[in-house]
C-alpha atoms as a PDB file:
ATOM      1  CA  MET A   1      63.006  27.369 -43.344  1.00  0.00           C
ATOM      2  CA  GLY A   2      59.822  27.418 -41.383  1.00  0.00           C
ATOM      3  CA  VAL A   3      56.364  27.199 -42.538  1.00  0.00           C
ATOM      4  CA  GLN A   4      55.923  30.417 -41.243  1.00  0.00           C
ATOM      5  CA  ASP A   5      58.322  31.965 -43.758  1.00  0.00           C
ATOM      6  CA  TYR A   6      56.044  30.905 -46.701  1.00  0.00           C
ATOM      7  CA  SER A   7      52.862  32.769 -44.962  1.00  0.00           C
ATOM      8  CA  PHE A   8      51.611  35.691 -46.528  1.00  0.00           C
ATOM      9  CA  GLU A   9      48.144  37.603 -46.677  1.00  0.00           C
ATOM     10  CA  SER A  10      46.373  38.492 -50.108  1.00  0.00           C
ATOM     11  CA  GLU A  11      45.736  42.349 -50.728  1.00  0.00           C
ATOM     12  CA  PHE A  12      42.937  41.210 -52.708  1.00  0.00           C
ATOM     13  CA  ASN A  13      41.017  39.153 -49.881  1.00  0.00           C
ATOM     14  CA  SER A  14      41.404  41.524 -47.336  1.00  0.00           C
ATOM     15  CA  ARG A  15      39.869  44.217 -49.873  1.00  0.00           C
ATOM     16  CA  ASN A  16      36.600  42.586 -49.555  1.00  0.00           C
ATOM     17  CA  ASN A  17      34.127  42.795 -46.833  1.00  0.00           C
ATOM     18  CA  LEU A  18      34.193  40.297 -44.110  1.00  0.00           C
ATOM     19  CA  LEU A  19      30.630  39.254 -44.155  1.00  0.00           C
ATOM     20  CA  THR A  20      30.905  38.906 -48.270  1.00  0.00           C
ATOM     21  CA  ARG A  21      34.035  36.513 -47.284  1.00  0.00           C
ATOM     22  CA  LYS A  22      32.398  34.402 -44.765  1.00  0.00           C
ATOM     23  CA  MET A  23      29.115  33.941 -46.906  1.00  0.00           C
ATOM     24  CA  ILE A  24      31.416  32.986 -49.826  1.00  0.00           C
ATOM     25  CA  ARG A  25      33.224  30.176 -47.476  1.00  0.00           C
ATOM     26  CA  LEU A  26      29.654  29.076 -46.190  1.00  0.00           C
ATOM     27  CA  LEU A  27      28.192  28.446 -49.709  1.00  0.00           C
ATOM     28  CA  SER A  28      31.536  26.881 -51.227  1.00  0.00           C
ATOM     29  CA  GLN A  29      31.162  24.380 -48.326  1.00  0.00           C
ATOM     30  CA  ASP A  30      27.318  23.882 -48.976  1.00  0.00           C
ATOM     31  CA  ALA A  31      25.654  25.727 -51.657  1.00  0.00           C
ATOM     32  CA  ARG A  32      22.227  24.457 -50.657  1.00  0.00           C
ATOM     33  CA  MET A  33      22.498  26.161 -47.345  1.00  0.00           C
ATOM     34  CA  PRO A  34      19.412  27.679 -46.215  1.00  0.00           C
ATOM     35  CA  ILE A  35      19.222  31.468 -46.219  1.00  0.00           C
ATOM     36  CA  SER A  36      17.934  30.958 -42.421  1.00  0.00           C
ATOM     37  CA  SER A  37      20.959  28.970 -41.650  1.00  0.00           C
ATOM     38  CA  ILE A  38      23.144  31.265 -43.211  1.00  0.00           C
ATOM     39  CA  ALA A  39      21.534  34.243 -41.072  1.00  0.00           C
ATOM     40  CA  ASN A  40      22.069  32.395 -37.790  1.00  0.00           C
ATOM     41  CA  ALA A  41      25.497  31.620 -38.863  1.00  0.00           C
ATOM     42  CA  LEU A  42      26.448  34.997 -39.683  1.00  0.00           C
ATOM     43  CA  GLY A  43      24.348  36.617 -37.047  1.00  0.00           C
ATOM     44  CA  VAL A  44      22.251  38.698 -39.757  1.00  0.00           C
ATOM     45  CA  SER A  45      18.523  38.861 -41.012  1.00  0.00           C
ATOM     46  CA  ARG A  46      17.743  36.579 -43.826  1.00  0.00           C
ATOM     47  CA  ILE A  47      16.688  39.794 -45.773  1.00  0.00           C
ATOM     48  CA  SER A  48      20.266  40.945 -45.712  1.00  0.00           C
ATOM     49  CA  VAL A  49      21.549  37.635 -46.445  1.00  0.00           C
ATOM     50  CA  ARG A  50      19.258  37.460 -49.811  1.00  0.00           C
ATOM     51  CA  LYS A  51      20.262  40.980 -50.596  1.00  0.00           C
ATOM     52  CA  ARG A  52      23.822  39.820 -50.450  1.00  0.00           C
ATOM     53  CA  LEU A  53      23.740  36.964 -52.333  1.00  0.00           C
ATOM     54  CA  GLU A  54      21.919  39.044 -54.925  1.00  0.00           C
ATOM     55  CA  ARG A  55      24.624  41.502 -55.127  1.00  0.00           C
ATOM     56  CA  MET A  56      27.411  38.445 -54.926  1.00  0.00           C
ATOM     57  CA  GLU A  57      26.150  36.417 -57.804  1.00  0.00           C
ATOM     58  CA  GLN A  58      26.054  39.852 -59.978  1.00  0.00           C
ATOM     59  CA  GLU A  59      29.753  41.025 -58.606  1.00  0.00           C
ATOM     60  CA  PHE A  60      31.410  37.786 -58.746  1.00  0.00           C
ATOM     61  CA  GLY A  61      29.592  35.740 -61.278  1.00  0.00           C
ATOM     62  CA  MET A  62      28.628  33.138 -58.849  1.00  0.00           C
ATOM     63  CA  ARG A  63      26.770  30.041 -59.756  1.00  0.00           C
ATOM     64  CA  TYR A  64      25.673  27.213 -57.680  1.00  0.00           C
ATOM     65  CA  VAL A  65      27.451  23.942 -59.126  1.00  0.00           C
ATOM     66  CA  ALA A  66      27.671  20.206 -58.347  1.00  0.00           C
ATOM     67  CA  GLU A  67      30.995  18.485 -57.499  1.00  0.00           C
ATOM     68  CA  LEU A  68      30.958  15.054 -58.792  1.00  0.00           C
ATOM     69  CA  ASN A  69      32.998  11.857 -57.126  1.00  0.00           C
ATOM     70  CA  GLU A  70      34.369  10.893 -60.602  1.00  0.00           C
ATOM     71  CA  GLU A  71      35.511   7.937 -59.233  1.00  0.00           C
ATOM     72  CA  VAL A  72      32.307   6.784 -58.425  1.00  0.00           C
ATOM     73  CA  LEU A  73      30.510   7.924 -61.338  1.00  0.00           C
ATOM     74  CA  GLY A  74      33.131   5.740 -63.469  1.00  0.00           C
ATOM     75  CA  PHE A  75      34.889   8.353 -65.018  1.00  0.00           C
ATOM     76  CA  ALA A  76      38.490   6.743 -64.430  1.00  0.00           C
ATOM     77  CA  ALA A  77      40.406   8.655 -67.431  1.00  0.00           C
ATOM     78  CA  GLN A  78      41.249  12.202 -66.176  1.00  0.00           C
ATOM     79  CA  HIS A  79      43.736  13.817 -67.924  1.00  0.00           C
ATOM     80  CA  LEU A  80      45.787  17.356 -68.222  1.00  0.00           C
ATOM     81  CA  ILE A  81      47.158  18.498 -71.200  1.00  0.00           C
ATOM     82  CA  SER A  82      49.515  21.383 -71.668  1.00  0.00           C
ATOM     83  CA  VAL A  83      49.957  22.966 -75.470  1.00  0.00           C
ATOM     84  CA  LYS A  84      52.604  25.203 -77.024  1.00  0.00           C
ATOM     85  CA  PHE A  85      52.200  26.318 -80.285  1.00  0.00           C
ATOM     86  CA  ASP A  86      54.883  27.389 -82.873  1.00  0.00           C
ATOM     87  CA  LYS A  87      52.206  29.426 -84.662  1.00  0.00           C
ATOM     88  CA  LYS A  88      49.240  31.464 -82.685  1.00  0.00           C
ATOM     89  CA  PRO A  89      46.189  30.048 -83.413  1.00  0.00           C
ATOM     90  CA  ASP A  90      42.504  31.738 -83.488  1.00  0.00           C
ATOM     91  CA  TYR A  91      41.407  30.470 -79.904  1.00  0.00           C
ATOM     92  CA  GLU A  92      37.955  31.083 -80.498  1.00  0.00           C
ATOM     93  CA  THR A  93      38.315  28.479 -83.018  1.00  0.00           C
ATOM     94  CA  ILE A  94      40.188  26.060 -80.938  1.00  0.00           C
ATOM     95  CA  GLY A  95      37.084  26.700 -78.364  1.00  0.00           C
ATOM     96  CA  LYS A  96      34.633  25.428 -80.953  1.00  0.00           C
ATOM     97  CA  MET A  97      36.525  21.971 -81.440  1.00  0.00           C
ATOM     98  CA  LEU A  98      36.808  21.438 -77.814  1.00  0.00           C
ATOM     99  CA  GLU A  99      32.849  22.158 -77.632  1.00  0.00           C
ATOM    100  CA  LYS A 100      32.219  19.343 -79.889  1.00  0.00           C
ATOM    101  CA  SER A 101      33.264  16.698 -77.598  1.00  0.00           C
ATOM    102  CA  TYR A 102      31.936  16.053 -73.994  1.00  0.00           C
ATOM    103  CA  ILE A 103      35.421  15.025 -73.095  1.00  0.00           C
ATOM    104  CA  PRO A 104      37.134  18.457 -72.488  1.00  0.00           C
ATOM    105  CA  GLN A 105      35.778  20.446 -69.335  1.00  0.00           C
ATOM    106  CA  LEU A 106      38.086  23.115 -68.931  1.00  0.00           C
ATOM    107  CA  ALA A 107      40.461  25.030 -71.204  1.00  0.00           C
ATOM    108  CA  PHE A 108      42.052  28.239 -70.699  1.00  0.00           C
ATOM    109  CA  THR A 109      45.161  30.027 -72.617  1.00  0.00           C
ATOM    110  CA  THR A 110      47.934  31.138 -70.484  1.00  0.00           C
ATOM    111  CA  ARG A 111      51.121  33.376 -71.040  1.00  0.00           C
ATOM    112  CA  GLY A 112      54.249  31.763 -69.984  1.00  0.00           C
ATOM    113  CA  ALA A 113      55.816  28.594 -70.677  1.00  0.00           C
ATOM    114  CA  TYR A 114      52.860  27.031 -72.442  1.00  0.00           C
ATOM    115  CA  ASP A 115      49.898  28.543 -74.344  1.00  0.00           C
ATOM    116  CA  LEU A 116      46.849  26.358 -73.492  1.00  0.00           C
ATOM    117  CA  ILE A 117      46.125  23.991 -70.661  1.00  0.00           C
ATOM    118  CA  ILE A 118      43.215  21.657 -70.975  1.00  0.00           C
ATOM    119  CA  TYR A 119      41.457  19.358 -68.326  1.00  0.00           C
ATOM    120  CA  ALA A 120      39.812  16.266 -69.785  1.00  0.00           C
ATOM    121  CA  ILE A 121      37.587  13.562 -68.383  1.00  0.00           C
ATOM    122  CA  SER A 122      36.347  10.756 -70.314  1.00  0.00           C
ATOM    123  CA  GLY A 123      34.474   6.885 -69.306  1.00  0.00           C
ATOM    124  CA  SER A 124      37.381   4.826 -70.724  1.00  0.00           C
ATOM    125  CA  THR A 125      41.042   5.339 -71.665  1.00  0.00           C
ATOM    126  CA  MET A 126      40.466   4.066 -75.063  1.00  0.00           C
ATOM    127  CA  GLU A 127      37.773   6.741 -75.533  1.00  0.00           C
ATOM    128  CA  TYR A 128      40.145   9.413 -74.197  1.00  0.00           C
ATOM    129  CA  ALA A 129      43.169   8.214 -76.519  1.00  0.00           C
ATOM    130  CA  HIS A 130      40.874   8.560 -79.732  1.00  0.00           C
ATOM    131  CA  TRP A 131      40.012  12.014 -78.712  1.00  0.00           C
ATOM    132  CA  ASP A 132      43.582  12.901 -77.646  1.00  0.00           C
ATOM    133  CA  ARG A 133      44.884  11.574 -81.040  1.00  0.00           C
ATOM    134  CA  SER A 134      42.217  13.508 -82.987  1.00  0.00           C
ATOM    135  CA  MET A 135      43.204  16.985 -81.275  1.00  0.00           C
ATOM    136  CA  GLN A 136      46.590  16.506 -82.480  1.00  0.00           C
ATOM    137  CA  ILE A 137      45.976  15.892 -85.714  1.00  0.00           C
ATOM    138  CA  LEU A 138      43.396  19.094 -85.809  1.00  0.00           C
ATOM    139  CA  LEU A 139      46.187  21.372 -84.340  1.00  0.00           C
ATOM    140  CA  ALA A 140      49.300  19.913 -86.386  1.00  0.00           C
ATOM    141  CA  GLU A 141      49.105  22.782 -88.779  1.00  0.00           C
ATOM    142  CA  TYR A 142      49.630  25.262 -85.633  1.00  0.00           C
ATOM    143  CA  GLY A 143      52.661  23.171 -84.895  1.00  0.00           C
ATOM    144  CA  ALA A 144      51.356  22.063 -81.578  1.00  0.00           C
ATOM    145  CA  GLU A 145      53.337  20.831 -78.985  1.00  0.00           C
ATOM    146  CA  TRP A 146      50.819  18.728 -76.980  1.00  0.00           C
ATOM    147  CA  LYS A 147      52.017  17.069 -73.719  1.00  0.00           C
ATOM    148  CA  THR A 148      49.224  14.632 -71.849  1.00  0.00           C
ATOM    149  CA  SER A 149      49.380  13.817 -68.120  1.00  0.00           C
ATOM    150  CA  GLU A 150      47.152  11.733 -66.132  1.00  0.00           C
ATOM    151  CA  VAL A 151      45.527  13.232 -63.174  1.00  0.00           C
ATOM    152  CA  VAL A 152      45.863  10.487 -60.457  1.00  0.00           C
ATOM    153  CA  HIS A 153      44.605  12.322 -57.016  1.00  0.00           C
ATOM    154  CA  LYS A 154      43.330  15.630 -56.558  1.00  0.00           C
ATOM    155  CA  HIS A 155      44.616  16.978 -52.971  1.00  0.00           C
ATOM    156  CA  LEU A 156      42.394  19.841 -52.954  1.00  0.00           C
ATOM    157  CA  GLY A 157      39.938  21.340 -55.360  1.00  0.00           C
ATOM    158  CA  PHE A 158      38.006  20.094 -58.260  1.00  0.00           C
ATOM    159  CA  CYS A 159      36.822  21.064 -61.714  1.00  0.00           C
ATOM    160  CA  PRO A 160      33.282  22.128 -62.699  1.00  0.00           C
ATOM    161  CA  VAL A 161      32.089  19.675 -65.153  1.00  0.00           C
ATOM    162  CA  ARG A 162      29.762  20.942 -68.611  1.00  0.00           C
ATOM    163  CA  PRO A 163      26.483  19.758 -69.199  1.00  0.00           C
ATOM    164  CA  GLU A 164      27.741  17.177 -71.959  1.00  0.00           C
ATOM    165  CA  LEU A 165      29.602  15.164 -69.226  1.00  0.00           C
ATOM    166  CA  LEU A 166      26.106  15.118 -67.453  1.00  0.00           C
ATOM    167  CA  ASP A 167      24.325  13.256 -70.185  1.00  0.00           C
ATOM    168  CA  ARG A 168      27.265  10.547 -69.869  1.00  0.00           C
ATOM    169  CA  LEU A 169      26.844   9.837 -66.182  1.00  0.00           C
ATOM    170  CA  ASN A 170      26.989   6.267 -64.847  1.00  0.00           C
ATOM    171  CA  MET A 171      23.616   6.693 -62.709  1.00  0.00           C
ATOM    172  CA  PRO A 172      20.149   5.865 -63.012  1.00  0.00           C
ATOM    173  CA  GLU A 173      18.047   8.316 -65.296  1.00  0.00           C
ATOM    174  CA  LYS A 174      16.075   9.887 -62.481  1.00  0.00           C
ATOM    175  CA  TYR A 175      19.311  10.875 -61.171  1.00  0.00           C
ATOM    176  CA  ARG A 176      20.542  12.167 -63.968  1.00  0.00           C
ATOM    177  CA  GLY A 177      17.665  14.593 -64.780  1.00  0.00           C
ATOM    178  CA  MET A 178      17.801  15.879 -60.877  1.00  0.00           C
ATOM    179  CA  LEU A 179      21.843  16.541 -61.085  1.00  0.00           C
ATOM    180  CA  LYS A 180      21.581  18.391 -64.293  1.00  0.00           C
ATOM    181  CA  ILE A 181      18.857  20.868 -62.669  1.00  0.00           C
ATOM    182  CA  LEU A 182      21.076  21.134 -59.679  1.00  0.00           C
ATOM    183  CA  ASP A 183      24.130  21.584 -61.629  1.00  0.00           C
ATOM    184  CA  ASN A 184      22.881  24.648 -63.405  1.00  0.00           C
ATOM    185  CA  ASN A 185      21.931  25.915 -60.293  1.00  0.00           C
ATOM    186  CA  ALA A 186      22.531  23.986 -56.657  1.00  0.00           C
ATOM    187  CA  ARG A 187      19.854  26.187 -54.889  1.00  0.00           C
ATOM    188  CA  THR A 188      17.304  25.092 -57.093  1.00  0.00           C
ATOM    189  CA  SER A 189      14.329  23.889 -54.219  1.00  0.00           C
ATOM    190  CA  PHE A 190      12.533  20.577 -54.341  1.00  0.00           C
ATOM    191  CA  LYS A 191       9.021  22.525 -55.066  1.00  0.00           C
ATOM    192  CA  ASP A 192      10.910  23.925 -58.483  1.00  0.00           C
ATOM    193  CA  MET A 193      12.615  20.460 -59.251  1.00  0.00           C
ATOM    194  CA  SER A 194       9.051  18.867 -58.655  1.00  0.00           C
ATOM    195  CA  THR A 195       7.768  21.112 -61.489  1.00  0.00           C
ATOM    196  CA  LYS A 196      10.605  20.655 -63.977  1.00  0.00           C
ATOM    197  CA  LEU A 197      10.919  16.907 -63.581  1.00  0.00           C
ATOM    198  CA  GLY A 198       7.177  16.051 -63.922  1.00  0.00           C
ATOM    199  CA  MET A 199       7.723  14.418 -60.146  1.00  0.00           C
ATOM    200  CA  HIS A 200       5.763  14.503 -56.960  1.00  0.00           C
ATOM    201  CA  PHE A 201       7.455  16.805 -54.376  1.00  0.00           C
ATOM    202  CA  ASN A 202       7.909  13.609 -52.091  1.00  0.00           C
ATOM    203  CA  THR A 203       9.745  11.703 -54.420  1.00  0.00           C
ATOM    204  CA  VAL A 204      11.926  14.648 -55.699  1.00  0.00           C
ATOM    205  CA  ALA A 205      13.137  14.486 -51.765  1.00  0.00           C
ATOM    206  CA  TYR A 206      13.392  11.048 -51.640  1.00  0.00           C
ATOM    207  CA  ASN A 207      15.344  10.667 -54.944  1.00  0.00           C
ATOM    208  CA  PHE A 208      17.719  13.506 -53.861  1.00  0.00           C
ATOM    209  CA  ASN A 209      18.525  11.879 -50.370  1.00  0.00           C
ATOM    210  CA  LYS A 210      19.232   8.600 -52.365  1.00  0.00           C
ATOM    211  CA  MET A 211      21.503  10.187 -55.020  1.00  0.00           C
ATOM    212  CA  VAL A 212      23.495  12.124 -52.433  1.00  0.00           C
ATOM    213  CA  GLY A 213      23.650   9.093 -50.448  1.00  0.00           C
ATOM    214  CA  SER A 214      25.215   6.863 -53.402  1.00  0.00           C
ATOM    215  CA  GLY A 215      27.987   9.110 -53.347  1.00  0.00           C
ATOM    216  CA  TYR A 216      27.502  10.426 -56.880  1.00  0.00           C
ATOM    217  CA  VAL A 217      28.054  14.140 -55.553  1.00  0.00           C
ATOM    218  CA  LYS A 218      30.936  14.683 -52.615  1.00  0.00           C
ATOM    219  CA  ARG A 219      28.994  18.595 -52.015  1.00  0.00           C
ATOM    220  CA  PHE A 220      27.065  21.068 -53.636  1.00  0.00           C
ATOM    221  CA  THR A 221      29.775  24.057 -54.227  1.00  0.00           C
ATOM    222  CA  VAL A 222      30.015  27.251 -56.042  1.00  0.00           C
ATOM    223  CA  THR A 223      31.988  28.630 -58.875  1.00  0.00           C
ATOM    224  CA  MET A 224      32.766  32.508 -59.397  1.00  0.00           C
ATOM    225  CA  GLU A 225      34.366  34.495 -62.257  1.00  0.00           C
ATOM    226  CA  LYS A 226      38.247  34.984 -61.564  1.00  0.00           C
ATOM    227  CA  PRO A 227      38.190  38.619 -60.186  1.00  0.00           C
ATOM    228  CA  LYS A 228      40.180  40.982 -62.992  1.00  0.00           C
ATOM    229  CA  ASP A 229      42.379  42.428 -60.264  1.00  0.00           C
ATOM    230  CA  ILE A 230      43.929  39.122 -59.308  1.00  0.00           C
ATOM    231  CA  SER A 231      46.452  36.739 -61.493  1.00  0.00           C
ATOM    232  CA  VAL A 232      45.804  33.006 -61.280  1.00  0.00           C
ATOM    233  CA  TYR A 233      48.789  30.850 -61.992  1.00  0.00           C
ATOM    234  CA  THR A 234      49.412  27.722 -63.122  1.00  0.00           C
ATOM    235  CA  PHE A 235      52.555  25.892 -62.416  1.00  0.00           C
ATOM    236  CA  LEU A 236      53.270  22.311 -63.960  1.00  0.00           C
ATOM    237  CA  ILE A 237      56.069  20.554 -61.822  1.00  0.00           C
ATOM    238  CA  ARG A 238      58.666  17.479 -61.921  1.00  0.00           C
ATOM    239  CA  PHE A 239      60.888  16.007 -59.406  1.00  0.00           C
ATOM    240  CA  LYS A 240      63.704  13.401 -59.740  1.00  0.00           C
ATOM    241  CA  PRO A 241      62.546  11.819 -56.214  1.00  0.00           C
ATOM    242  CA  GLY A 242      65.167  10.725 -53.779  1.00  0.00           C
ATOM    243  CA  GLU A 243      65.167   9.330 -50.190  1.00  0.00           C
ATOM    244  CA  GLU A 244      64.068  12.443 -48.805  1.00  0.00           C
ATOM    245  CA  PHE A 245      61.208  13.311 -50.935  1.00  0.00           C
ATOM    246  CA  GLU A 246      58.572  12.362 -48.677  1.00  0.00           C
ATOM    247  CA  LYS A 247      60.265  14.921 -45.900  1.00  0.00           C
ATOM    248  CA  ALA A 248      60.172  17.545 -48.550  1.00  0.00           C
ATOM    249  CA  SER A 249      56.535  16.867 -49.667  1.00  0.00           C
ATOM    250  CA  ALA A 250      55.402  16.721 -45.843  1.00  0.00           C
ATOM    251  CA  ARG A 251      56.884  20.554 -45.788  1.00  0.00           C
ATOM    252  CA  ALA A 252      55.225  21.553 -49.000  1.00  0.00           C
ATOM    253  CA  ARG A 253      51.713  20.528 -47.842  1.00  0.00           C
ATOM    254  CA  LYS A 254      52.206  22.472 -44.959  1.00  0.00           C
ATOM    255  CA  PHE A 255      52.985  25.240 -47.208  1.00  0.00           C
ATOM    256  CA  VAL A 256      50.386  24.921 -49.625  1.00  0.00           C
ATOM    257  CA  MET A 257      47.469  24.837 -46.833  1.00  0.00           C
ATOM    258  CA  ILE A 258      48.635  27.869 -45.639  1.00  0.00           C
ATOM    259  CA  ASP A 259      45.658  30.605 -46.608  1.00  0.00           C
ATOM    260  CA  ASP A 260      44.447  33.695 -45.545  1.00  0.00           C
ATOM    261  CA  LYS A 261      41.511  33.990 -42.665  1.00  0.00           C
ATOM    262  CA  ASN A 262      38.410  34.342 -44.227  1.00  0.00           C
ATOM    263  CA  PRO A 263      39.285  34.191 -47.648  1.00  0.00           C
ATOM    264  CA  LEU A 264      36.994  35.610 -50.661  1.00  0.00           C
ATOM    265  CA  ILE A 265      38.705  32.843 -52.564  1.00  0.00           C
ATOM    266  CA  ASN A 266      41.681  30.176 -51.869  1.00  0.00           C
ATOM    267  CA  ARG A 267      45.131  30.882 -52.694  1.00  0.00           C
ATOM    268  CA  VAL A 268      45.316  27.202 -54.263  1.00  0.00           C
ATOM    269  CA  LEU A 269      42.299  26.654 -56.250  1.00  0.00           C
ATOM    270  CA  LEU A 270      43.751  23.228 -57.744  1.00  0.00           C
ATOM    271  CA  SER A 271      46.273  20.877 -56.612  1.00  0.00           C
ATOM    272  CA  ALA A 272      46.692  17.206 -58.487  1.00  0.00           C
ATOM    273  CA  ASN A 273      49.358  14.434 -58.686  1.00  0.00           C
ATOM    274  CA  LEU A 274      49.772  13.927 -62.192  1.00  0.00           C
ATOM    275  CA  ILE A 275      51.542  10.875 -64.048  1.00  0.00           C
ATOM    276  CA  GLY A 276      53.342  11.532 -67.405  1.00  0.00           C
ATOM    277  CA  ASN A 277      54.832  14.535 -68.890  1.00  0.00           C
ATOM    278  CA  TYR A 278      54.536  16.297 -65.307  1.00  0.00           C
ATOM    279  CA  ASP A 279      54.024  15.069 -62.084  1.00  0.00           C
ATOM    280  CA  LEU A 280      52.066  18.091 -60.130  1.00  0.00           C
ATOM    281  CA  LEU A 281      49.454  20.858 -61.006  1.00  0.00           C
ATOM    282  CA  LEU A 282      48.982  23.878 -59.155  1.00  0.00           C
ATOM    283  CA  VAL A 283      46.432  26.435 -59.864  1.00  0.00           C
ATOM    284  CA  ASN A 284      47.038  29.341 -57.680  1.00  0.00           C
ATOM    285  CA  ALA A 285      45.472  32.718 -57.111  1.00  0.00           C
ATOM    286  CA  PHE A 286      47.870  35.766 -56.422  1.00  0.00           C
ATOM    287  CA  ASP A 287      47.479  39.468 -56.340  1.00  0.00           C
ATOM    288  CA  ASP A 288      49.997  39.784 -59.203  1.00  0.00           C
ATOM    289  CA  VAL A 289      52.562  38.029 -60.852  1.00  0.00           C
ATOM    290  CA  GLU A 290      55.360  39.389 -58.585  1.00  0.00           C
ATOM    291  CA  ALA A 291      53.811  37.262 -55.717  1.00  0.00           C
ATOM    292  CA  ALA A 292      53.081  34.368 -57.570  1.00  0.00           C
ATOM    293  CA  LEU A 293      56.779  33.982 -58.436  1.00  0.00           C
ATOM    294  CA  LYS A 294      58.764  35.233 -55.084  1.00  0.00           C
ATOM    295  CA  LYS A 295      56.199  34.778 -52.704  1.00  0.00           C
ATOM    296  CA  PHE A 296      55.142  31.306 -53.498  1.00  0.00           C
ATOM    297  CA  LEU A 297      57.406  29.679 -56.576  1.00  0.00           C
ATOM    298  CA  ALA A 298      60.798  30.510 -54.969  1.00  0.00           C
ATOM    299  CA  PRO A 299      60.054  29.118 -51.382  1.00  0.00           C
ATOM    300  CA  TYR A 300      58.225  26.115 -53.076  1.00  0.00           C
ATOM    301  CA  LYS A 301      61.415  25.635 -55.076  1.00  0.00           C
ATOM    302  CA  LYS A 302      63.524  25.813 -52.243  1.00  0.00           C
ATOM    303  CA  THR A 303      61.553  22.964 -50.319  1.00  0.00           C
ATOM    304  CA  TYR A 304      62.098  20.536 -53.479  1.00  0.00           C
ATOM    305  CA  GLU A 305      65.916  21.494 -54.176  1.00  0.00           C
ATOM    306  CA  SER A 306      66.925  17.928 -53.013  1.00  0.00           C
ATOM    307  CA  GLN A 307      64.463  16.404 -55.061  1.00  0.00           C
ATOM    308  CA  GLY A 308      65.530  17.937 -58.925  1.00  0.00           C
ATOM    309  CA  VAL A 309      62.274  19.940 -59.042  1.00  0.00           C
ATOM    310  CA  LYS A 310      61.691  21.687 -62.006  1.00  0.00           C
ATOM    311  CA  VAL A 311      58.677  23.994 -62.562  1.00  0.00           C
ATOM    312  CA  ILE A 312      57.435  25.601 -65.664  1.00  0.00           C
ATOM    313  CA  GLY A 313      54.352  28.307 -65.340  1.00  0.00           C
ATOM    314  CA  GLY A 314      51.806  30.472 -67.178  1.00  0.00           C
ATOM    315  CA  GLU A 315      49.433  33.235 -66.017  1.00  0.00           C
ATOM    316  CA  VAL A 316      45.629  32.529 -66.858  1.00  0.00           C
ATOM    317  CA  ASP A 317      44.852  34.905 -69.720  1.00  0.00           C
ATOM    318  CA  LYS A 318      41.170  33.427 -70.898  1.00  0.00           C
ATOM    319  CA  VAL A 319      39.066  30.837 -70.564  1.00  0.00           C
ATOM    320  CA  ILE A 320      37.620  29.298 -73.728  1.00  0.00           C
ATOM    321  CA  LEU A 321      35.954  26.351 -72.542  1.00  0.00           C
ATOM    322  CA  GLY A 322      34.224  25.764 -69.013  1.00  0.00           C
ATOM    323  CA  ARG A 323      34.836  27.466 -65.393  1.00  0.00           C
ATOM    324  CA  LEU A 324      37.740  28.141 -63.499  1.00  0.00           C
ATOM    325  CA  PRO A 325      37.205  26.358 -60.168  1.00  0.00           C
ATOM    326  CA  VAL A 326      37.353  29.567 -58.219  1.00  0.00           C
ATOM    327  CA  ARG A 327      35.655  29.381 -54.604  1.00  0.00           C
ATOM    328  CA  SER A 328      36.630  29.286 -51.062  1.00  0.00           C
ATOM    329  CA  VAL A 329      37.147  26.090 -48.782  1.00  0.00           C
ATOM    330  CA  ASP A 330      38.714  25.229 -45.596  1.00  0.00           C
ATOM    331  CA  THR A 331      42.177  23.993 -46.945  1.00  0.00           C
ATOM    332  CA  THR A 332      43.323  22.420 -43.759  1.00  0.00           C
ATOM    333  CA  LYS A 333      40.320  20.231 -43.707  1.00  0.00           C
ATOM    334  CA  GLU A 334      39.995  19.647 -47.381  1.00  0.00           C
ATOM    335  CA  TYR A 335      43.588  19.094 -48.268  1.00  0.00           C
ATOM    336  CA  ASP A 336      43.631  15.283 -49.178  1.00  0.00           C
ATOM    337  CA  THR A 337      46.925  14.031 -48.600  1.00  0.00           C
ATOM    338  CA  ILE A 338      48.424  11.319 -50.427  1.00  0.00           C
ATOM    339  CA  THR A 339      51.788   9.655 -49.424  1.00  0.00           C
ATOM    340  CA  TRP A 340      54.319   7.731 -51.549  1.00  0.00           C
ATOM    341  CA  ASP A 341      55.630   4.614 -50.027  1.00  0.00           C
ATOM    342  CA  PRO A 342      58.306   2.781 -52.154  1.00  0.00           C
ATOM    343  CA  ASN A 343      57.448  -0.705 -50.676  1.00  0.00           C
ATOM    344  CA  PHE A 344      53.220  -0.008 -51.795  1.00  0.00           C
ATOM    345  CA  GLU A 345      53.511  -2.920 -54.231  1.00  0.00           C
ATOM    346  CA  ASN A 346      55.016  -5.524 -51.580  1.00  0.00           C
ATOM    347  CA  LYS A 347      52.230  -4.539 -49.489  1.00  0.00           C
ATOM    348  CA  ALA A 348      49.363  -4.641 -52.207  1.00  0.00           C
ATOM    349  CA  PRO A 349      47.166  -7.647 -51.759  1.00  0.00           C
ATOM    350  CA  VAL A 350      47.941 -10.465 -54.231  1.00  0.00           C
ATOM    351  CA  ASN A 351      44.866 -11.958 -56.148  1.00  0.00           C
ATOM    352  CA  GLN A 352      44.785 -16.046 -55.565  1.00  0.00           C
END
C-alpha cells in the first residue's frame, strides 16, 4: 500500500474561505506577524486583514499564545494520563480538582475506550509522582483506572499551557512577566507591554529579543476552539517492535505528514512518543468518526500489522481544563522525526 492511498481531503477544510485558511497558517507559524506583512503575503489591504482577524477571533475563538520549549525551561517531567471510570463522575468537579495544581495543562473527556485524557507538565519527577498519587486517591471512589505514560518526544504539535505554569518558569523575572502578557495575547505591542510592565519601550524590545534568543519560546502561535462540525479523535497505541519496525515507522511518518493544501486546521494536531502504558499518542481532526476509523485508523494499523500494533481510541467530548492544540502549521516542515536505533546505548558516550 503506497502513501498516496492514505491521502484524503477534509470537507471541513474545503468549506472554509481560502484567504481565511492562508491567514490562519501564517498566524499559526508566527502569531506576531505584522498586519502589513500579512497583507503583503496575501495580496490584500491592511484594512481587509484587520477585519478578517476580528471575524476569525469571534468565529473560531482564536487566541494568540506562546509555544514554550519545556526542556529549556526545565520542565523535564511531561506525562499523558488516560482514565477509565467504573462510576461516571461529575466532570465539573474533576475539572475543579485539576485546577488546584499547576501540573495538569489540558484535560478533556472522551467517548470510547477511555473517559478522560490529561496532559501534565511538572518541574521534577518527584513533584509529578506526588500529584499523580494524590489524584488517584481522590478519584478512587469512581473506580478510576489510571494509566500514566511519560511523554519523551513530540513529533508534531504542542500543548498550550495554563497561566499557573508560567508562574513556575525557570527564567528571570523580567522575562516571566513579559511572557505572561504574551501568552495571554502574543500580538501585544511593545508599547502596550511597556505600559503594563512599567518599563521603557527600548528595554521591553531588548528583553523580548533576549528572551526569544534564549530559546525559552519556540514560537508565538495560535489556538482555536474545536469547530462544532468536526470530530477530534485521540488514539493511544502500543507496539511489539520487531526487525521491520523502522521501515513501518518510515511509512507511517509519511502517512501522518499528509495534509490538506492550505488547511484551516491540521489533520494531526498532536503526535508524541510515550514510554509506559502506551507508546504513541495521536490527536487528529476529522470530518466525522467514520473518517477517523476508516480513512485513518484502518490504513494506519495496516502499516504496523507486522509490529503487533494495538490501538484504542476515543472521540473528544468536552474540554474541562486548558485548550486543545487546534491550529495550522506546515506538517512536512514541522514534523520532528526520531528513529529508534537498537544500538544507541553502544554508541552513547561514556563518562570517564
